[in-house]
Amino acid sequence: MFEFTKADYIKICDECMLNEEYCKLLEMKIKGYSRTKMAMELNVSEPTLDIMIKKLKKKIRKIL
């Protein structure tokens, strides 16, 4: 689970120029959703979700 405040979430979405899908993924990670629930919400498979999470983490690392 990611530990970010709402201000951190907004900053990351803006600075990483995340699209709506990745912002939603970040929000779900912050809230502690399960992999299965995130995949269902985003309408992707769990392996695709894993790739998306890796990309998201890489983008976040660049700005932190």
N, C-alpha and C. Protein backbone atom coordinates (compact mmCIF):
# COMPACT_ATOMS: atom_id res chain seq x y z
N MET A 1 0.85 -1.19 0.00
CA MET A 1 0.00 0.00 0.00
C MET A 1 0.88 1.24 0.00
N PHE A 2 0.51 2.23 -0.76
CA PHE A 2 1.22 3.49 -0.79
C PHE A 2 0.72 4.35 0.36
N GLU A 3 1.61 5.13 0.93
CA GLU A 3 1.19 6.02 2.01
C GLU A 3 1.39 7.47 1.57
N PHE A 4 0.36 8.03 0.95
CA PHE A 4 0.40 9.40 0.47
C PHE A 4 -0.81 10.15 0.98
N THR A 5 -0.65 11.44 1.19
CA THR A 5 -1.78 12.29 1.55
C THR A 5 -2.51 12.68 0.28
N LYS A 6 -3.66 13.32 0.43
CA LYS A 6 -4.43 13.80 -0.72
C LYS A 6 -3.60 14.81 -1.51
N ALA A 7 -2.86 15.67 -0.80
CA ALA A 7 -2.00 16.66 -1.47
C ALA A 7 -0.90 15.95 -2.27
N ASP A 8 -0.32 14.88 -1.70
CA ASP A 8 0.70 14.11 -2.41
C ASP A 8 0.11 13.49 -3.68
N TYR A 9 -1.10 12.95 -3.54
CA TYR A 9 -1.79 12.32 -4.66
C TYR A 9 -1.97 13.32 -5.81
N ILE A 10 -2.46 14.50 -5.50
CA ILE A 10 -2.68 15.53 -6.52
C ILE A 10 -1.35 15.95 -7.15
N LYS A 11 -0.33 16.14 -6.33
CA LYS A 11 0.99 16.53 -6.83
C LYS A 11 1.55 15.47 -7.77
N ILE A 12 1.44 14.21 -7.38
CA ILE A 12 1.96 13.13 -8.21
C ILE A 12 1.21 13.05 -9.53
N CYS A 13 -0.11 13.13 -9.49
CA CYS A 13 -0.90 13.09 -10.73
C CYS A 13 -0.49 14.23 -11.67
N ASP A 14 -0.28 15.43 -11.10
CA ASP A 14 0.10 16.58 -11.91
C ASP A 14 1.54 16.47 -12.43
N GLU A 15 2.48 16.22 -11.53
CA GLU A 15 3.89 16.22 -11.92
C GLU A 15 4.26 15.05 -12.83
N CYS A 16 3.61 13.91 -12.64
CA CYS A 16 3.87 12.76 -13.50
C CYS A 16 3.03 12.79 -14.77
N MET A 17 2.13 13.75 -14.84
CA MET A 17 1.21 13.86 -15.97
C MET A 17 0.49 12.54 -16.22
N LEU A 18 -0.06 11.99 -15.13
CA LEU A 18 -0.75 10.71 -15.21
C LEU A 18 -2.11 10.89 -15.88
N ASN A 19 -2.46 9.92 -16.71
CA ASN A 19 -3.79 9.97 -17.31
C ASN A 19 -4.81 9.52 -16.27
N GLU A 20 -6.06 9.60 -16.61
CA GLU A 20 -7.15 9.30 -15.66
C GLU A 20 -7.05 7.89 -15.10
N GLU A 21 -6.68 6.95 -15.96
CA GLU A 21 -6.57 5.55 -15.54
C GLU A 21 -5.49 5.37 -14.47
N TYR A 22 -4.34 5.99 -14.67
CA TYR A 22 -3.26 5.86 -13.71
C TYR A 22 -3.55 6.63 -12.42
N CYS A 23 -4.25 7.75 -12.51
CA CYS A 23 -4.66 8.48 -11.30
C CYS A 23 -5.62 7.63 -10.49
N LYS A 24 -6.52 6.95 -11.17
CA LYS A 24 -7.47 6.07 -10.47
C LYS A 24 -6.72 4.91 -9.83
N LEU A 25 -5.73 4.35 -10.53
CA LEU A 25 -4.93 3.27 -9.98
C LEU A 25 -4.20 3.75 -8.72
N LEU A 26 -3.59 4.92 -8.78
CA LEU A 26 -2.88 5.47 -7.63
C LEU A 26 -3.84 5.65 -6.45
N GLU A 27 -5.00 6.18 -6.72
CA GLU A 27 -5.99 6.38 -5.65
C GLU A 27 -6.38 5.05 -5.01
N MET A 28 -6.58 4.03 -5.83
CA MET A 28 -6.94 2.71 -5.29
C MET A 28 -5.79 2.12 -4.48
N LYS A 29 -4.55 2.32 -4.93
CA LYS A 29 -3.39 1.83 -4.18
C LYS A 29 -3.32 2.52 -2.82
N ILE A 30 -3.53 3.83 -2.81
CA ILE A 30 -3.50 4.58 -1.56
C ILE A 30 -4.56 4.06 -0.60
N LYS A 31 -5.73 3.74 -1.13
CA LYS A 31 -6.83 3.26 -0.29
C LYS A 31 -6.69 1.79 0.10
N GLY A 32 -5.70 1.11 -0.45
CA GLY A 32 -5.44 -0.27 -0.06
C GLY A 32 -6.31 -1.32 -0.72
N TYR A 33 -6.82 -1.03 -1.91
CA TYR A 33 -7.64 -1.99 -2.64
C TYR A 33 -6.80 -3.24 -2.95
N SER A 34 -7.45 -4.37 -3.07
CA SER A 34 -6.77 -5.61 -3.45
C SER A 34 -6.46 -5.57 -4.95
N ARG A 35 -5.51 -6.41 -5.37
CA ARG A 35 -5.16 -6.48 -6.79
C ARG A 35 -6.38 -6.86 -7.62
N THR A 36 -7.14 -7.82 -7.12
CA THR A 36 -8.32 -8.28 -7.85
C THR A 36 -9.33 -7.16 -8.03
N LYS A 37 -9.59 -6.42 -6.97
CA LYS A 37 -10.57 -5.33 -7.05
C LYS A 37 -10.08 -4.23 -7.99
N MET A 38 -8.77 -3.90 -7.92
CA MET A 38 -8.23 -2.87 -8.82
C MET A 38 -8.36 -3.31 -10.27
N ALA A 39 -8.02 -4.57 -10.54
CA ALA A 39 -8.12 -5.09 -11.91
C ALA A 39 -9.56 -5.02 -12.41
N MET A 40 -10.49 -5.39 -11.55
CA MET A 40 -11.91 -5.33 -11.94
C MET A 40 -12.35 -3.89 -12.21
N GLU A 41 -11.96 -2.97 -11.33
CA GLU A 41 -12.35 -1.56 -11.49
C GLU A 41 -11.78 -0.96 -12.78
N LEU A 42 -10.55 -1.36 -13.13
CA LEU A 42 -9.90 -0.81 -14.32
C LEU A 42 -10.19 -1.64 -15.57
N ASN A 43 -10.89 -2.77 -15.38
CA ASN A 43 -11.25 -3.66 -16.48
C ASN A 43 -10.01 -4.18 -17.22
N VAL A 44 -9.02 -4.63 -16.43
CA VAL A 44 -7.80 -5.22 -16.98
C VAL A 44 -7.52 -6.53 -16.24
N SER A 45 -6.66 -7.35 -16.81
CA SER A 45 -6.27 -8.58 -16.14
C SER A 45 -5.27 -8.26 -15.03
N GLU A 46 -5.07 -9.20 -14.11
CA GLU A 46 -4.11 -8.96 -13.02
C GLU A 46 -2.68 -8.84 -13.54
N PRO A 47 -2.25 -9.64 -14.54
CA PRO A 47 -0.90 -9.42 -15.08
C PRO A 47 -0.74 -8.02 -15.70
N THR A 48 -1.77 -7.52 -16.37
CA THR A 48 -1.72 -6.17 -16.93
C THR A 48 -1.67 -5.15 -15.80
N LEU A 49 -2.42 -5.39 -14.75
CA LEU A 49 -2.40 -4.51 -13.59
C LEU A 49 -1.00 -4.44 -13.00
N ASP A 50 -0.33 -5.58 -12.90
CA ASP A 50 1.03 -5.61 -12.35
C ASP A 50 1.97 -4.74 -13.18
N ILE A 51 1.84 -4.79 -14.49
CA ILE A 51 2.65 -3.94 -15.38
C ILE A 51 2.33 -2.48 -15.13
N MET A 52 1.05 -2.16 -15.00
CA MET A 52 0.65 -0.78 -14.75
C MET A 52 1.22 -0.27 -13.42
N ILE A 53 1.21 -1.12 -12.39
CA ILE A 53 1.73 -0.73 -11.09
C ILE A 53 3.23 -0.47 -11.18
N LYS A 54 3.96 -1.32 -11.91
CA LYS A 54 5.40 -1.12 -12.09
C LYS A 54 5.67 0.21 -12.79
N LYS A 55 4.89 0.51 -13.82
CA LYS A 55 5.07 1.78 -14.54
C LYS A 55 4.76 2.96 -13.62
N LEU A 56 3.71 2.84 -12.83
CA LEU A 56 3.33 3.90 -11.90
C LEU A 56 4.44 4.15 -10.88
N LYS A 57 4.98 3.08 -10.31
CA LYS A 57 6.06 3.22 -9.33
C LYS A 57 7.28 3.88 -9.96
N LYS A 58 7.59 3.53 -11.20
CA LYS A 58 8.74 4.12 -11.90
C LYS A 58 8.53 5.62 -12.09
N LYS A 59 7.32 6.02 -12.47
CA LYS A 59 7.01 7.44 -12.65
C LYS A 59 7.11 8.21 -11.34
N ILE A 60 6.63 7.59 -10.27
CA ILE A 60 6.66 8.24 -8.96
C ILE A 60 8.10 8.41 -8.47
N ARG A 61 8.91 7.39 -8.67
CA ARG A 61 10.32 7.46 -8.26
C ARG A 61 11.05 8.61 -8.93
N LYS A 62 10.68 8.92 -10.16
CA LYS A 62 11.35 9.99 -10.91
C LYS A 62 11.12 11.36 -10.27
N ILE A 63 9.98 11.55 -9.64
CA ILE A 63 9.72 12.88 -9.06
C ILE A 63 10.02 12.98 -7.58
N LEU A 64 10.25 11.83 -6.93
CA LEU A 64 10.54 11.88 -5.49
C LEU A 64 12.00 11.98 -5.20
